[in-house]
Amino acid sequence: MNQSNLKPAAGATHSRKRVGRGNGSGHGNYSGRGCKGHKARAGGGVRPGFEGGQLPLIKRLPRLRGFSNTYRVKYSIVNVGSLNKFAANSEVTPEELLKAGLIKSINQPVKILGEGKIDRLLIVKASKFSTAAASKISAAGGKTEAL
């Protein structure tokens, strides 16, 4: 197959509507824009959220303003101090954290943060580690493994 031979499926594309080419075309005179008014002008039309002068929804509900990132990754957070629940020389995985009740769900990635002190050697496996957490675990003789 050659890239130059690729075409869209039959019926997938439409020819462009050519307006303002005489009354015989069916799109002459006002070119489908109606007669006069704001939307008939070039650059006419209202901004998104405009409600004809009525106080817009975005201003009536101020708590809903702003932006929420749909690609944000939500982590289950575990502090280093709470890892003392586990026996020395044991392997700490997200499954073990769930059994111990330190996280609520295994569906979210786990991040280990540096709050608290760790006093035993542990092999900790998680999605992410803060710099402080990684240094505290290695200072206690343990190991960190990113999943």
N, C-alpha and C. Protein backbone atom coordinates (compact mmCIF):
# COMPACT_ATOMS: atom_id res chain seq x y z
N MET A 1 0.85 -1.20 0.00
CA MET A 1 0.00 0.00 0.00
C MET A 1 0.88 1.25 0.00
N ASN A 2 0.46 2.22 -0.76
CA ASN A 2 1.20 3.47 -0.89
C ASN A 2 0.38 4.60 -0.26
N GLN A 3 1.05 5.46 0.48
CA GLN A 3 0.34 6.55 1.15
C GLN A 3 -0.37 7.48 0.18
N SER A 4 0.18 7.63 -1.02
CA SER A 4 -0.42 8.54 -1.99
C SER A 4 -1.73 7.98 -2.56
N ASN A 5 -1.98 6.68 -2.36
CA ASN A 5 -3.21 6.06 -2.87
C ASN A 5 -4.34 6.06 -1.85
N LEU A 6 -4.07 6.48 -0.62
CA LEU A 6 -5.09 6.44 0.43
C LEU A 6 -6.16 7.50 0.18
N LYS A 7 -7.43 7.10 0.34
CA LYS A 7 -8.54 8.02 0.15
C LYS A 7 -9.54 7.79 1.27
N PRO A 8 -10.33 8.82 1.63
CA PRO A 8 -11.39 8.61 2.62
C PRO A 8 -12.45 7.66 2.06
N ALA A 9 -13.21 7.02 2.95
CA ALA A 9 -14.27 6.11 2.53
C ALA A 9 -15.32 6.85 1.71
N ALA A 10 -16.01 6.14 0.85
CA ALA A 10 -17.03 6.75 -0.01
C ALA A 10 -18.13 7.38 0.84
N GLY A 11 -18.47 8.63 0.56
CA GLY A 11 -19.51 9.34 1.30
C GLY A 11 -19.01 10.01 2.57
N ALA A 12 -17.72 9.87 2.88
CA ALA A 12 -17.19 10.45 4.12
C ALA A 12 -16.89 11.94 3.97
N THR A 13 -16.69 12.38 2.75
CA THR A 13 -16.38 13.81 2.53
C THR A 13 -17.50 14.47 1.74
N HIS A 14 -17.67 15.76 1.97
CA HIS A 14 -18.70 16.54 1.28
C HIS A 14 -18.01 17.70 0.60
N SER A 15 -18.56 18.11 -0.55
CA SER A 15 -17.99 19.27 -1.22
C SER A 15 -18.41 20.53 -0.46
N ARG A 16 -17.57 21.55 -0.51
CA ARG A 16 -17.78 22.79 0.22
C ARG A 16 -18.98 23.53 -0.33
N LYS A 17 -19.79 24.15 0.57
CA LYS A 17 -20.94 24.94 0.15
C LYS A 17 -20.43 26.30 -0.34
N ARG A 18 -20.64 26.61 -1.62
CA ARG A 18 -20.20 27.90 -2.17
C ARG A 18 -21.38 28.85 -2.13
N VAL A 19 -21.30 29.82 -1.21
CA VAL A 19 -22.41 30.76 -1.03
C VAL A 19 -22.12 32.06 -1.77
N GLY A 20 -23.18 32.81 -2.03
CA GLY A 20 -23.02 34.11 -2.67
C GLY A 20 -22.67 33.99 -4.14
N ARG A 21 -23.19 32.95 -4.83
CA ARG A 21 -22.87 32.76 -6.25
C ARG A 21 -24.15 32.81 -7.11
N GLY A 22 -25.06 33.70 -6.74
CA GLY A 22 -26.26 33.91 -7.55
C GLY A 22 -27.47 33.16 -7.01
N ASN A 23 -28.65 33.68 -7.35
CA ASN A 23 -29.89 33.09 -6.84
C ASN A 23 -30.16 31.69 -7.36
N GLY A 24 -29.66 31.37 -8.54
CA GLY A 24 -29.88 30.04 -9.11
C GLY A 24 -29.24 28.93 -8.27
N SER A 25 -28.24 29.27 -7.48
CA SER A 25 -27.55 28.26 -6.67
C SER A 25 -28.35 27.90 -5.41
N GLY A 26 -29.32 28.77 -5.07
CA GLY A 26 -30.07 28.56 -3.82
C GLY A 26 -29.39 29.19 -2.63
N HIS A 27 -28.19 29.72 -2.83
CA HIS A 27 -27.46 30.39 -1.73
C HIS A 27 -26.97 31.76 -2.20
N GLY A 28 -27.83 32.47 -2.93
CA GLY A 28 -27.47 33.81 -3.39
C GLY A 28 -27.90 34.85 -2.38
N ASN A 29 -28.14 36.10 -2.84
CA ASN A 29 -28.59 37.22 -2.01
C ASN A 29 -27.90 37.30 -0.64
N TYR A 30 -28.51 36.68 0.39
CA TYR A 30 -27.97 36.83 1.74
C TYR A 30 -27.05 35.67 2.15
N SER A 31 -26.83 34.74 1.25
CA SER A 31 -25.88 33.64 1.48
C SER A 31 -26.19 32.83 2.72
N GLY A 32 -27.45 32.59 3.00
CA GLY A 32 -27.82 31.75 4.15
C GLY A 32 -27.72 32.43 5.49
N ARG A 33 -27.48 33.78 5.48
CA ARG A 33 -27.30 34.49 6.75
C ARG A 33 -28.55 35.24 7.18
N GLY A 34 -29.64 35.17 6.42
CA GLY A 34 -30.83 35.93 6.77
C GLY A 34 -30.65 37.38 6.36
N CYS A 35 -31.50 38.23 6.91
CA CYS A 35 -31.49 39.63 6.51
C CYS A 35 -31.00 40.52 7.65
N LYS A 36 -29.93 41.23 7.45
CA LYS A 36 -29.35 42.16 8.42
C LYS A 36 -29.13 41.55 9.81
N GLY A 37 -28.81 42.38 10.78
CA GLY A 37 -28.64 41.92 12.15
C GLY A 37 -27.21 41.50 12.47
N HIS A 38 -27.01 41.22 13.74
CA HIS A 38 -25.67 40.94 14.26
C HIS A 38 -25.03 39.74 13.57
N LYS A 39 -25.79 38.66 13.42
CA LYS A 39 -25.21 37.44 12.87
C LYS A 39 -25.05 37.47 11.35
N ALA A 40 -25.60 38.50 10.72
CA ALA A 40 -25.44 38.64 9.27
C ALA A 40 -24.13 39.33 8.91
N ARG A 41 -23.50 39.98 9.89
CA ARG A 41 -22.28 40.76 9.63
C ARG A 41 -21.03 39.86 9.68
N ALA A 42 -19.98 40.34 9.01
CA ALA A 42 -18.69 39.65 9.12
C ALA A 42 -18.18 39.82 10.54
N GLY A 43 -17.75 38.74 11.14
CA GLY A 43 -17.27 38.80 12.53
C GLY A 43 -18.39 38.89 13.53
N GLY A 44 -19.65 38.78 13.04
CA GLY A 44 -20.80 38.88 13.94
C GLY A 44 -20.99 37.60 14.72
N GLY A 45 -21.88 37.63 15.68
CA GLY A 45 -22.11 36.49 16.56
C GLY A 45 -21.63 36.83 17.94
N VAL A 46 -22.17 36.14 18.92
CA VAL A 46 -21.86 36.47 20.30
C VAL A 46 -20.80 35.54 20.86
N ARG A 47 -20.14 35.99 21.93
CA ARG A 47 -19.06 35.20 22.53
C ARG A 47 -19.66 33.98 23.24
N PRO A 48 -18.86 32.95 23.50
CA PRO A 48 -19.37 31.79 24.23
C PRO A 48 -19.84 32.19 25.62
N GLY A 49 -21.00 31.70 26.02
CA GLY A 49 -21.53 32.01 27.35
C GLY A 49 -22.43 33.24 27.38
N PHE A 50 -22.52 33.99 26.27
CA PHE A 50 -23.37 35.18 26.24
C PHE A 50 -24.82 34.76 26.15
N GLU A 51 -25.67 35.36 26.99
CA GLU A 51 -27.08 34.97 27.05
C GLU A 51 -28.01 36.13 26.73
N GLY A 52 -27.60 36.96 25.77
CA GLY A 52 -28.46 38.04 25.33
C GLY A 52 -28.62 39.15 26.35
N GLY A 53 -27.67 39.35 27.22
CA GLY A 53 -27.73 40.41 28.22
C GLY A 53 -28.19 39.91 29.58
N GLN A 54 -28.84 38.74 29.63
CA GLN A 54 -29.17 38.13 30.93
C GLN A 54 -27.86 37.75 31.61
N LEU A 55 -27.84 37.84 32.95
CA LEU A 55 -26.61 37.50 33.67
C LEU A 55 -26.25 36.04 33.37
N PRO A 56 -25.09 35.81 32.77
CA PRO A 56 -24.75 34.47 32.31
C PRO A 56 -24.57 33.47 33.46
N LEU A 57 -24.76 32.21 33.14
CA LEU A 57 -24.65 31.13 34.12
C LEU A 57 -23.29 31.17 34.82
N ILE A 58 -22.24 31.46 34.06
CA ILE A 58 -20.88 31.45 34.62
C ILE A 58 -20.71 32.53 35.70
N LYS A 59 -21.50 33.62 35.60
CA LYS A 59 -21.43 34.67 36.62
C LYS A 59 -22.43 34.44 37.75
N ARG A 60 -23.50 33.69 37.45
CA ARG A 60 -24.49 33.38 38.49
C ARG A 60 -23.98 32.33 39.46
N LEU A 61 -23.10 31.45 38.99
CA LEU A 61 -22.56 30.37 39.82
C LEU A 61 -21.04 30.53 39.92
N PRO A 62 -20.56 31.44 40.74
CA PRO A 62 -19.12 31.75 40.74
C PRO A 62 -18.24 30.57 41.15
N ARG A 63 -18.79 29.61 41.91
CA ARG A 63 -17.96 28.49 42.35
C ARG A 63 -17.56 27.58 41.18
N LEU A 64 -18.27 27.71 40.05
CA LEU A 64 -17.98 26.85 38.92
C LEU A 64 -16.99 27.46 37.95
N ARG A 65 -16.40 28.61 38.29
CA ARG A 65 -15.46 29.23 37.37
C ARG A 65 -14.15 28.46 37.33
N GLY A 66 -13.38 28.72 36.31
CA GLY A 66 -12.04 28.17 36.25
C GLY A 66 -11.94 26.98 35.31
N PHE A 67 -10.97 26.13 35.61
CA PHE A 67 -10.55 25.09 34.67
C PHE A 67 -10.21 23.85 35.46
N SER A 68 -10.62 22.68 34.97
CA SER A 68 -10.18 21.45 35.60
C SER A 68 -9.49 20.58 34.56
N ASN A 69 -8.32 20.15 34.89
CA ASN A 69 -7.49 19.38 33.97
C ASN A 69 -7.98 17.94 33.91
N THR A 70 -8.46 17.51 32.75
CA THR A 70 -8.99 16.15 32.62
C THR A 70 -7.88 15.10 32.60
N TYR A 71 -6.65 15.53 32.36
CA TYR A 71 -5.53 14.58 32.29
C TYR A 71 -4.78 14.45 33.61
N ARG A 72 -5.28 15.11 34.66
CA ARG A 72 -4.60 15.07 35.95
C ARG A 72 -4.57 13.65 36.49
N VAL A 73 -3.42 13.24 37.03
CA VAL A 73 -3.30 11.91 37.63
C VAL A 73 -3.48 12.05 39.14
N LYS A 74 -4.46 11.34 39.69
CA LYS A 74 -4.75 11.37 41.13
C LYS A 74 -4.04 10.19 41.78
N TYR A 75 -3.17 10.48 42.75
CA TYR A 75 -2.40 9.44 43.42
C TYR A 75 -3.00 9.11 44.78
N SER A 76 -2.88 7.84 45.16
CA SER A 76 -3.13 7.46 46.55
C SER A 76 -1.85 7.77 47.30
N ILE A 77 -1.94 8.55 48.39
CA ILE A 77 -0.74 9.02 49.08
C ILE A 77 -0.51 8.24 50.36
N VAL A 78 0.74 7.81 50.54
CA VAL A 78 1.15 7.11 51.76
C VAL A 78 2.41 7.79 52.27
N ASN A 79 2.44 8.12 53.56
CA ASN A 79 3.63 8.73 54.14
C ASN A 79 4.58 7.65 54.66
N VAL A 80 5.87 8.00 54.63
CA VAL A 80 6.92 7.06 55.06
C VAL A 80 6.69 6.57 56.49
N GLY A 81 6.22 7.45 57.37
CA GLY A 81 6.02 7.08 58.78
C GLY A 81 5.03 5.94 58.95
N SER A 82 4.05 5.83 58.07
CA SER A 82 3.05 4.77 58.21
C SER A 82 3.54 3.42 57.68
N LEU A 83 4.72 3.38 57.07
CA LEU A 83 5.28 2.11 56.58
C LEU A 83 5.87 1.27 57.71
N ASN A 84 5.95 1.86 58.93
CA ASN A 84 6.46 1.10 60.09
C ASN A 84 5.50 0.00 60.52
N LYS A 85 4.30 -0.04 59.92
CA LYS A 85 3.36 -1.13 60.17
C LYS A 85 3.90 -2.47 59.70
N PHE A 86 4.74 -2.41 58.68
CA PHE A 86 5.23 -3.64 58.05
C PHE A 86 6.46 -4.19 58.77
N ALA A 87 6.62 -5.52 58.71
CA ALA A 87 7.76 -6.18 59.34
C ALA A 87 9.04 -5.82 58.58
N ALA A 88 10.17 -5.84 59.30
CA ALA A 88 11.47 -5.54 58.68
C ALA A 88 11.76 -6.57 57.59
N ASN A 89 12.50 -6.14 56.57
CA ASN A 89 12.90 -6.97 55.43
C ASN A 89 11.72 -7.45 54.56
N SER A 90 10.56 -6.84 54.71
CA SER A 90 9.41 -7.25 53.89
C SER A 90 9.29 -6.37 52.65
N GLU A 91 8.55 -6.88 51.69
CA GLU A 91 8.33 -6.15 50.44
C GLU A 91 6.98 -5.44 50.51
N VAL A 92 6.98 -4.13 50.32
CA VAL A 92 5.75 -3.34 50.41
C VAL A 92 5.28 -3.00 48.99
N THR A 93 4.15 -3.58 48.58
CA THR A 93 3.57 -3.34 47.27
C THR A 93 2.20 -2.66 47.46
N PRO A 94 1.62 -2.14 46.39
CA PRO A 94 0.27 -1.56 46.52
C PRO A 94 -0.75 -2.55 47.10
N GLU A 95 -0.62 -3.83 46.76
CA GLU A 95 -1.54 -4.85 47.30
C GLU A 95 -1.40 -4.95 48.81
N GLU A 96 -0.16 -4.92 49.30
CA GLU A 96 0.10 -4.99 50.74
C GLU A 96 -0.42 -3.73 51.46
N LEU A 97 -0.26 -2.57 50.79
CA LEU A 97 -0.76 -1.32 51.37
C LEU A 97 -2.29 -1.35 51.50
N LEU A 98 -2.95 -1.97 50.51
CA LEU A 98 -4.41 -2.10 50.55
C LEU A 98 -4.84 -3.01 51.70
N LYS A 99 -4.13 -4.13 51.87
CA LYS A 99 -4.44 -5.06 52.97
C LYS A 99 -4.25 -4.40 54.33
N ALA A 100 -3.23 -3.54 54.43
CA ALA A 100 -2.93 -2.86 55.69
C ALA A 100 -3.86 -1.68 55.94
N GLY A 101 -4.68 -1.32 54.93
CA GLY A 101 -5.63 -0.22 55.08
C GLY A 101 -5.02 1.16 54.91
N LEU A 102 -3.85 1.22 54.28
CA LEU A 102 -3.19 2.52 54.08
C LEU A 102 -3.68 3.22 52.81
N ILE A 103 -4.21 2.45 51.86
CA ILE A 103 -4.84 3.04 50.68
C ILE A 103 -6.24 2.44 50.52
N LYS A 104 -7.11 3.17 49.83
CA LYS A 104 -8.51 2.73 49.70
C LYS A 104 -8.74 1.86 48.48
N SER A 105 -7.96 2.10 47.41
CA SER A 105 -8.20 1.39 46.16
C SER A 105 -6.89 1.09 45.47
N ILE A 106 -6.86 -0.02 44.74
CA ILE A 106 -5.66 -0.39 43.99
C ILE A 106 -5.69 0.21 42.59
N ASN A 107 -6.83 0.86 42.23
CA ASN A 107 -6.98 1.41 40.89
C ASN A 107 -6.15 2.68 40.67
N GLN A 108 -5.85 3.42 41.76
CA GLN A 108 -5.05 4.64 41.62
C GLN A 108 -3.57 4.30 41.82
N PRO A 109 -2.67 5.03 41.12
CA PRO A 109 -1.24 4.83 41.38
C PRO A 109 -0.88 5.34 42.78
N VAL A 110 0.17 4.77 43.35
CA VAL A 110 0.55 5.09 44.73
C VAL A 110 1.78 5.98 44.73
N LYS A 111 1.76 7.03 45.56
CA LYS A 111 2.94 7.89 45.73
C LYS A 111 3.32 7.89 47.20
N ILE A 112 4.60 7.68 47.46
CA ILE A 112 5.12 7.66 48.83
C ILE A 112 5.72 9.04 49.12
N LEU A 113 5.24 9.67 50.20
CA LEU A 113 5.73 11.00 50.61
C LEU A 113 6.59 10.88 51.87
N GLY A 114 7.35 11.93 52.16
CA GLY A 114 8.38 11.87 53.19
C GLY A 114 8.00 12.27 54.59
N GLU A 115 6.72 12.30 54.93
CA GLU A 115 6.29 12.70 56.29
C GLU A 115 6.54 11.55 57.27
N GLY A 116 7.19 11.84 58.39
CA GLY A 116 7.42 10.82 59.42
C GLY A 116 8.80 10.19 59.31
N LYS A 117 9.03 9.19 60.20
CA LYS A 117 10.33 8.50 60.23
C LYS A 117 10.13 7.02 59.98
N ILE A 118 11.12 6.42 59.35
CA ILE A 118 11.09 4.97 59.12
C ILE A 118 12.29 4.36 59.83
N ASP A 119 12.06 3.27 60.56
CA ASP A 119 13.14 2.70 61.37
C ASP A 119 13.46 1.26 61.01
N ARG A 120 13.02 0.82 59.82
CA ARG A 120 13.29 -0.56 59.43
C ARG A 120 13.60 -0.66 57.93
N LEU A 121 14.27 -1.76 57.58
CA LEU A 121 14.66 -1.99 56.21
C LEU A 121 13.45 -2.56 55.45
N LEU A 122 13.03 -1.85 54.40
CA LEU A 122 11.89 -2.29 53.60
C LEU A 122 12.20 -2.14 52.11
N ILE A 123 11.63 -3.04 51.31
CA ILE A 123 11.69 -2.89 49.86
C ILE A 123 10.32 -2.35 49.44
N VAL A 124 10.30 -1.09 49.04
CA VAL A 124 9.03 -0.42 48.75
C VAL A 124 8.85 -0.29 47.24
N LYS A 125 7.70 -0.78 46.74
CA LYS A 125 7.37 -0.68 45.32
C LYS A 125 6.14 0.22 45.17
N ALA A 126 6.30 1.33 44.44
CA ALA A 126 5.20 2.28 44.23
C ALA A 126 5.40 2.98 42.89
N SER A 127 4.38 3.72 42.46
CA SER A 127 4.46 4.43 41.18
C SER A 127 5.43 5.59 41.24
N LYS A 128 5.40 6.33 42.37
CA LYS A 128 6.27 7.50 42.52
C LYS A 128 6.74 7.64 43.95
N PHE A 129 7.87 8.30 44.12
CA PHE A 129 8.42 8.60 45.44
C PHE A 129 8.84 10.06 45.47
N SER A 130 8.57 10.75 46.58
CA SER A 130 9.13 12.09 46.72
C SER A 130 10.61 11.92 47.05
N THR A 131 11.39 12.96 46.81
CA THR A 131 12.84 12.90 47.06
C THR A 131 13.12 12.60 48.53
N ALA A 132 12.35 13.24 49.43
CA ALA A 132 12.53 13.04 50.87
C ALA A 132 12.22 11.60 51.25
N ALA A 133 11.15 11.04 50.69
CA ALA A 133 10.76 9.67 51.01
C ALA A 133 11.81 8.68 50.55
N ALA A 134 12.30 8.85 49.33
CA ALA A 134 13.32 7.94 48.79
C ALA A 134 14.59 7.98 49.63
N SER A 135 15.00 9.18 50.06
CA SER A 135 16.23 9.29 50.86
C SER A 135 16.03 8.68 52.25
N LYS A 136 14.84 8.82 52.85
CA LYS A 136 14.58 8.23 54.17
C LYS A 136 14.56 6.71 54.12
N ILE A 137 13.97 6.16 53.05
CA ILE A 137 13.91 4.71 52.91
C ILE A 137 15.31 4.13 52.70
N SER A 138 16.12 4.79 51.85
CA SER A 138 17.48 4.29 51.61
C SER A 138 18.38 4.52 52.83
N ALA A 139 18.13 5.58 53.61
CA ALA A 139 18.91 5.83 54.82
C ALA A 139 18.65 4.74 55.87
N ALA A 140 17.42 4.17 55.84
CA ALA A 140 17.08 3.09 56.78
C ALA A 140 17.59 1.74 56.27
N GLY A 141 18.26 1.73 55.09
CA GLY A 141 18.81 0.51 54.53
C GLY A 141 17.87 -0.16 53.53
N GLY A 142 16.76 0.47 53.23
CA GLY A 142 15.77 -0.12 52.33
C GLY A 142 16.03 0.21 50.88
N LYS A 143 15.08 -0.20 50.02
CA LYS A 143 15.19 0.00 48.59
C LYS A 143 13.88 0.52 48.03
N THR A 144 13.95 1.40 47.02
CA THR A 144 12.74 1.89 46.36
C THR A 144 12.73 1.39 44.93
N GLU A 145 11.56 0.95 44.49
CA GLU A 145 11.39 0.49 43.10
C GLU A 145 10.15 1.15 42.50
N ALA A 146 10.34 1.87 41.41
CA ALA A 146 9.21 2.52 40.74
C ALA A 146 8.52 1.50 39.84
N LEU A 147 7.19 1.44 39.94
CA LEU A 147 6.42 0.51 39.11
C LEU A 147 6.16 1.09 37.74
